[in-house]
Protein backbone atom coordinates (compact mmCIF):
# COMPACT_ATOMS: atom_id res chain seq x y z
CA UNK A 1 81.21 42.79 56.77
CA UNK A 2 77.95 45.24 57.22
CA UNK A 3 78.15 47.31 60.78
CA UNK A 4 75.89 47.10 63.26
CA UNK A 5 72.60 48.67 63.27
CA UNK A 6 72.06 50.53 66.22
CA UNK A 7 68.80 51.74 68.38
CA UNK A 8 69.46 55.20 66.28
CA UNK A 9 69.47 53.03 63.00
CA UNK A 10 66.19 51.06 64.14
CA UNK A 11 64.31 54.56 65.30
CA UNK A 12 65.14 56.55 61.93
CA UNK A 13 63.84 53.12 60.00
CA UNK A 14 60.76 53.29 62.12
CA UNK A 15 60.68 57.03 61.09
CA UNK A 16 61.65 56.79 57.50
CA UNK A 17 63.33 59.58 55.75
CA UNK A 18 61.67 62.76 54.24
CA UNK A 19 61.44 61.66 50.43
CA UNK A 20 60.25 58.22 52.09
CA UNK A 21 58.28 58.62 55.18
CA UNK A 22 57.21 54.59 56.74
CA UNK A 23 53.84 54.20 58.89
CA UNK A 24 53.91 52.99 62.24
CA UNK A 25 52.24 51.37 63.74
CA UNK A 26 50.03 53.62 65.19
CA UNK A 27 49.63 55.79 62.63
CA UNK A 28 48.11 52.62 60.38
CA UNK A 29 45.44 52.42 63.33
CA UNK A 30 44.96 55.80 63.81
CA UNK A 31 44.31 55.79 60.20
CA UNK A 32 42.02 52.10 59.76
CA UNK A 33 39.90 53.94 62.71
CA UNK A 34 39.68 56.90 60.79
CA UNK A 35 38.35 55.30 57.90
CA UNK A 36 35.81 52.58 59.39
CA UNK A 37 33.89 56.11 61.01
CA UNK A 38 32.57 56.32 57.87
CA UNK A 39 30.95 52.84 57.56
CA UNK A 40 29.67 53.86 61.33
CA UNK A 41 29.17 57.35 60.46
CA UNK A 42 26.39 56.37 57.86
CA UNK A 43 25.20 53.63 59.96
CA UNK A 44 24.43 55.82 63.02
CA UNK A 45 22.55 58.46 60.62
CA UNK A 46 20.54 55.90 59.15
CA UNK A 47 19.50 54.43 62.61
CA UNK A 48 18.67 58.69 63.56
CA UNK A 49 16.36 58.62 60.29
CA UNK A 50 14.40 55.59 61.22
CA UNK A 51 14.07 56.01 64.41
CA UNK A 52 12.88 59.48 63.84
CA UNK A 53 10.39 58.62 61.12
CA UNK A 54 8.74 55.92 63.78
CA UNK A 55 8.79 58.37 66.47
CA UNK A 56 7.20 60.66 64.42
CA UNK A 57 4.45 58.56 63.48
CA UNK A 58 3.63 57.08 66.93
CA UNK A 59 3.56 60.67 68.57
CA UNK A 60 0.75 60.91 66.03
CA UNK A 61 -1.65 58.21 67.50
CA UNK A 62 -4.67 59.30 69.30
CA UNK A 63 -2.56 59.69 72.55
CA UNK A 64 -2.57 61.95 75.82
CA UNK A 65 0.71 64.24 76.23
CA UNK A 66 2.30 62.09 78.87
CA UNK A 67 2.47 59.25 76.61
CA UNK A 68 3.30 61.08 74.01
CA UNK A 69 6.44 62.18 75.96
CA UNK A 70 7.09 58.48 76.91
CA UNK A 71 7.43 57.88 73.17
CA UNK A 72 9.85 60.12 73.22
CA UNK A 73 12.01 59.65 76.08
CA UNK A 74 11.91 55.70 75.05
CA UNK A 75 13.16 56.06 70.77
CA UNK A 76 15.61 58.20 72.11
CA UNK A 77 17.26 56.36 74.22
CA UNK A 78 16.62 53.03 72.13
CA UNK A 79 18.29 55.23 69.23
CA UNK A 80 21.74 55.68 71.52
CA UNK A 81 22.04 51.88 72.53
CA UNK A 82 21.18 50.87 68.92
CA UNK A 83 23.91 53.55 67.72
CA UNK A 84 26.25 51.86 69.21
CA UNK A 85 26.89 55.46 71.98
CA UNK A 86 26.43 54.83 75.64
CA UNK A 87 24.80 56.83 77.22
CA UNK A 88 25.26 57.48 80.98
CA UNK A 89 22.64 59.53 84.00
CA UNK A 90 25.43 60.58 86.82
CA UNK A 91 23.62 62.21 89.84
CA UNK A 92 20.39 62.06 89.05
CA UNK A 93 19.26 61.91 93.15
CA UNK A 94 20.03 65.64 92.44
CA UNK A 95 16.65 66.32 90.40
CA UNK A 96 13.69 66.97 92.44
CA UNK A 97 10.75 65.13 91.56
CA UNK A 98 8.58 68.27 91.33
CA UNK A 99 8.80 71.24 88.58
CA UNK A 100 11.78 73.00 88.09
CA UNK A 101 13.93 74.02 85.92
CA UNK A 102 17.18 72.72 83.88
CA UNK A 103 20.07 73.90 82.71
CA UNK A 104 22.44 72.53 80.32
CA UNK A 105 25.69 73.16 78.52
CA UNK A 106 25.42 73.37 74.30
CA UNK A 107 28.12 71.30 72.76
CA UNK A 108 26.16 69.49 69.26
CA UNK A 109 23.30 69.25 67.80
CA UNK A 110 22.98 66.03 69.21
CA UNK A 111 22.28 67.48 73.39
CA UNK A 112 18.92 67.56 72.86
CA UNK A 113 17.98 64.54 71.88
CA UNK A 114 20.62 63.46 74.40
CA UNK A 115 18.29 65.12 76.95
CA UNK A 116 15.34 63.98 76.02
CA UNK A 117 16.85 60.10 76.08
CA UNK A 118 18.11 60.90 79.89
CA UNK A 119 15.95 62.99 81.61
CA UNK A 120 12.53 61.75 82.90
CA UNK A 121 9.69 62.36 79.95
CA UNK A 122 7.91 64.81 81.97
CA UNK A 123 10.26 67.80 81.10
CA UNK A 124 9.18 70.45 78.52
CA UNK A 125 11.68 71.42 76.04
CA UNK A 126 12.83 74.62 75.57
CA UNK A 127 13.58 74.90 71.68
CA UNK A 128 14.21 77.57 69.64
CA UNK A 129 12.01 78.86 66.68
CA UNK A 130 13.44 77.76 63.90
CA UNK A 131 12.79 74.06 64.13
CA UNK A 132 8.82 74.45 64.45
CA UNK A 133 9.54 74.61 60.80
CA UNK A 134 12.06 71.82 60.27
CA UNK A 135 9.63 69.41 58.09
CA UNK A 136 8.75 66.23 60.52
CA UNK A 137 11.12 67.65 63.24
CA UNK A 138 8.63 70.55 63.78
CA UNK A 139 5.23 68.23 64.04
CA UNK A 140 7.48 65.99 66.42
CA UNK A 141 8.64 68.47 69.13
CA UNK A 142 5.02 70.49 68.96
CA UNK A 143 3.97 66.37 70.05
CA UNK A 144 5.12 65.88 72.68
CA UNK A 145 4.66 69.73 74.07
CA UNK A 146 8.28 71.17 73.25
CA UNK A 147 7.72 75.45 73.83
CA UNK A 148 9.54 77.10 71.01
CA UNK A 149 11.27 80.93 71.87
CA UNK A 150 11.93 83.70 68.90
CA UNK A 151 15.45 84.08 69.77
CA UNK A 152 16.05 87.61 67.87
CA UNK A 153 12.72 89.67 67.98
CA UNK A 154 12.52 90.84 71.78
CA UNK A 155 8.63 91.55 71.10
CA UNK A 156 7.74 87.54 70.45
CA UNK A 157 10.78 86.62 73.05
CA UNK A 158 9.03 88.43 75.93
CA UNK A 159 5.33 86.85 74.91
CA UNK A 160 7.30 83.50 74.89
CA UNK A 161 8.21 84.15 77.99
CA UNK A 162 5.28 84.74 79.23
CA UNK A 163 3.42 81.08 77.82
CA UNK A 164 6.93 79.70 79.64
CA UNK A 165 6.05 81.42 82.76
CA UNK A 166 2.79 80.02 82.91
CA UNK A 167 4.01 76.64 81.59
CA UNK A 168 5.91 76.90 84.49
CA UNK A 169 3.24 77.93 87.23
CA UNK A 170 0.97 74.73 85.64
CA UNK A 171 3.65 72.68 87.18
CA UNK A 172 5.78 71.59 84.12
CA UNK A 173 9.24 70.98 84.38
CA UNK A 174 11.20 73.03 81.71
CA UNK A 175 14.80 72.63 79.85
CA UNK A 176 16.70 74.66 78.61
CA UNK A 177 20.00 75.64 76.84
CA UNK A 178 21.29 79.10 78.27
CA UNK A 179 23.73 79.66 75.81
CA UNK A 180 21.27 79.81 73.01
CA UNK A 181 23.19 78.30 70.55
CA UNK A 182 26.46 76.15 70.51
CA UNK A 183 30.03 77.84 69.53
CA UNK A 184 32.11 75.77 67.56
CA UNK A 185 35.44 75.88 69.56
CA UNK A 186 35.52 74.00 72.43
CA UNK A 187 33.75 75.78 75.71
CA UNK A 188 31.27 76.87 77.55
CA UNK A 189 29.74 80.92 76.20
CA UNK A 190 27.47 83.16 77.84
CA UNK A 191 24.74 81.95 79.73
CA UNK A 192 21.50 84.27 78.76
CA UNK A 193 19.32 85.07 81.96
CA UNK A 194 15.44 83.68 80.39
CA UNK A 195 15.73 80.24 81.87
CA UNK A 196 16.89 82.05 85.63
CA UNK A 197 14.12 85.21 84.88
CA UNK A 198 11.08 81.82 84.87
CA UNK A 199 12.87 79.86 87.75
CA UNK A 200 12.76 83.85 89.62
CA UNK A 201 9.02 84.66 88.35
CA UNK A 202 7.83 81.49 89.15
CA UNK A 203 10.13 80.65 91.98
CA UNK A 204 11.41 77.14 91.14
CA UNK A 205 14.73 75.53 91.46
CA UNK A 206 17.75 75.88 88.76
CA UNK A 207 19.14 72.31 88.10
CA UNK A 208 22.48 72.54 86.03
CA UNK A 209 23.65 69.72 83.98
CA UNK A 210 26.72 68.85 82.65
CA UNK A 211 26.83 67.08 78.97
CA UNK A 212 30.31 65.57 77.90
CA UNK A 213 30.84 63.33 75.30
CA UNK A 214 28.78 65.06 72.36
CA UNK A 215 31.53 67.67 71.08
CA UNK A 216 33.37 64.96 69.93
CA UNK A 217 30.64 62.54 68.68
CA UNK A 218 28.95 65.26 66.57
CA UNK A 219 31.21 68.76 66.20
CA UNK A 220 29.88 71.63 64.15
CA UNK A 221 32.14 70.82 60.91
CA UNK A 222 30.84 67.00 60.80
CA UNK A 223 27.59 65.55 59.19
CA UNK A 224 28.71 62.23 60.24
CA UNK A 225 28.56 60.93 63.82
CA UNK A 226 31.62 59.42 65.32
CA UNK A 227 31.44 56.58 68.38
CA UNK A 228 31.67 57.77 71.71
CA UNK A 229 30.75 57.82 75.34
CA UNK A 230 27.98 60.19 76.30
CA UNK A 231 27.41 61.43 80.00
CA UNK A 232 24.59 63.41 81.38
CA UNK A 233 25.28 64.83 84.91
CA UNK A 234 22.92 66.02 87.17
CA UNK A 235 24.37 68.59 89.63
CA UNK A 236 22.97 70.31 92.59
CA UNK A 237 20.60 72.54 92.33
CA UNK A 238 20.43 76.03 93.17
CA UNK A 239 17.98 78.03 94.70
CA UNK A 240 15.16 79.92 93.05
CA UNK A 241 16.44 83.08 92.98
CA UNK A 242 14.67 86.06 94.98
CA UNK A 243 11.81 87.83 93.76
CA UNK A 244 12.68 90.73 95.52
CA UNK A 245 15.49 91.35 93.70
CA UNK A 246 15.71 90.29 90.74
CA UNK A 247 18.16 92.62 89.18
CA UNK A 248 20.94 91.47 91.60
CA UNK A 249 19.24 87.27 92.16
CA UNK A 250 18.85 86.45 88.76
CA UNK A 251 23.22 86.91 87.75
CA UNK A 252 24.13 85.14 90.64
CA UNK A 253 22.33 81.80 90.36
CA UNK A 254 23.22 82.46 86.11
CA UNK A 255 26.53 82.69 87.22
CA UNK A 256 26.81 79.82 89.56
CA UNK A 257 24.83 77.32 87.07
CA UNK A 258 27.33 78.59 84.98
CA UNK A 259 30.43 78.32 87.28
CA UNK A 260 29.25 74.25 88.13
CA UNK A 261 28.86 73.13 84.63
CA UNK A 262 32.01 74.73 83.60
CA UNK A 263 33.81 73.26 86.17
CA UNK A 264 32.19 69.75 84.94
CA UNK A 265 32.55 69.88 81.38
CA UNK A 266 36.16 70.37 81.87
CA UNK A 267 35.99 72.45 78.49
CA UNK A 268 37.26 76.52 78.34
CA UNK A 269 35.83 79.65 80.13
CA UNK A 270 34.41 81.26 76.71
CA UNK A 271 32.41 83.64 79.01
CA UNK A 272 33.25 86.60 76.33
CA UNK A 273 32.42 84.29 73.25
CA UNK A 274 28.53 85.17 72.86
CA UNK A 275 27.25 82.98 70.26
CA UNK A 276 23.58 83.80 69.73
CA UNK A 277 24.95 87.49 69.69
CA UNK A 278 27.01 85.99 66.96
CA UNK A 279 24.16 84.29 65.12
CA UNK A 280 22.30 87.92 65.35
CA UNK A 281 24.96 89.83 63.70
CA UNK A 282 24.87 86.89 60.69
CA UNK A 283 21.30 87.34 60.11
CA UNK A 284 21.87 91.30 59.94
């Protein structure tokens, strides 16, 4: 007669032995999902290329800036729908109808496209100067009124800041990633002051925006995106920093915005990590 099989025996059978491991249904399911991510990622990347080329052709048409921005906004929104990445804009009522300075956390190469799809088409995006030299992308970004800034040359950066202040004074709404770049590890890094100085000198409100989901979909070490949900949450606006004492008001506005974004994204506080300084050191 065989001894009855106990609960422990059944658990051991499920685990297998060190020399003959057995996969549980959960591990098989996880492996299958990881395998399916490859064709999905190829599809999402191909859709991005097609939609990007379509946007490039459309913005080259002899249209006004407002029309070109609306086209880019619509194409970006369509991409996330086609790619099966649900994109939700939360608490949009916190966004002023007039000019303002939006500051958002940066976690993925997707973030710029996400903000283009989520925010109203009237926004101009402040983008690192390196993108201006990328074929197709640089031309597309220029055609929709993006503002390029030099992150490493102080003299060029000062000229860029004056140009941005002139645009803001003219009623332009601006969107920044004040971290300057994104970190490989999850978390919100150090914020730089540029966006907040411009808000102070032009007396525009600062609107913190929290982006969630993009780090999971396309982290820095991946080429192919994964499926996932993206949320863009507009947080309560911060009054324009006081121009009479910018040495105090600008850092206060910067840290208030960062604290609100940090709480909304639920990632670690990496205030001591300066991704932009790390990039500058590598360039040297």
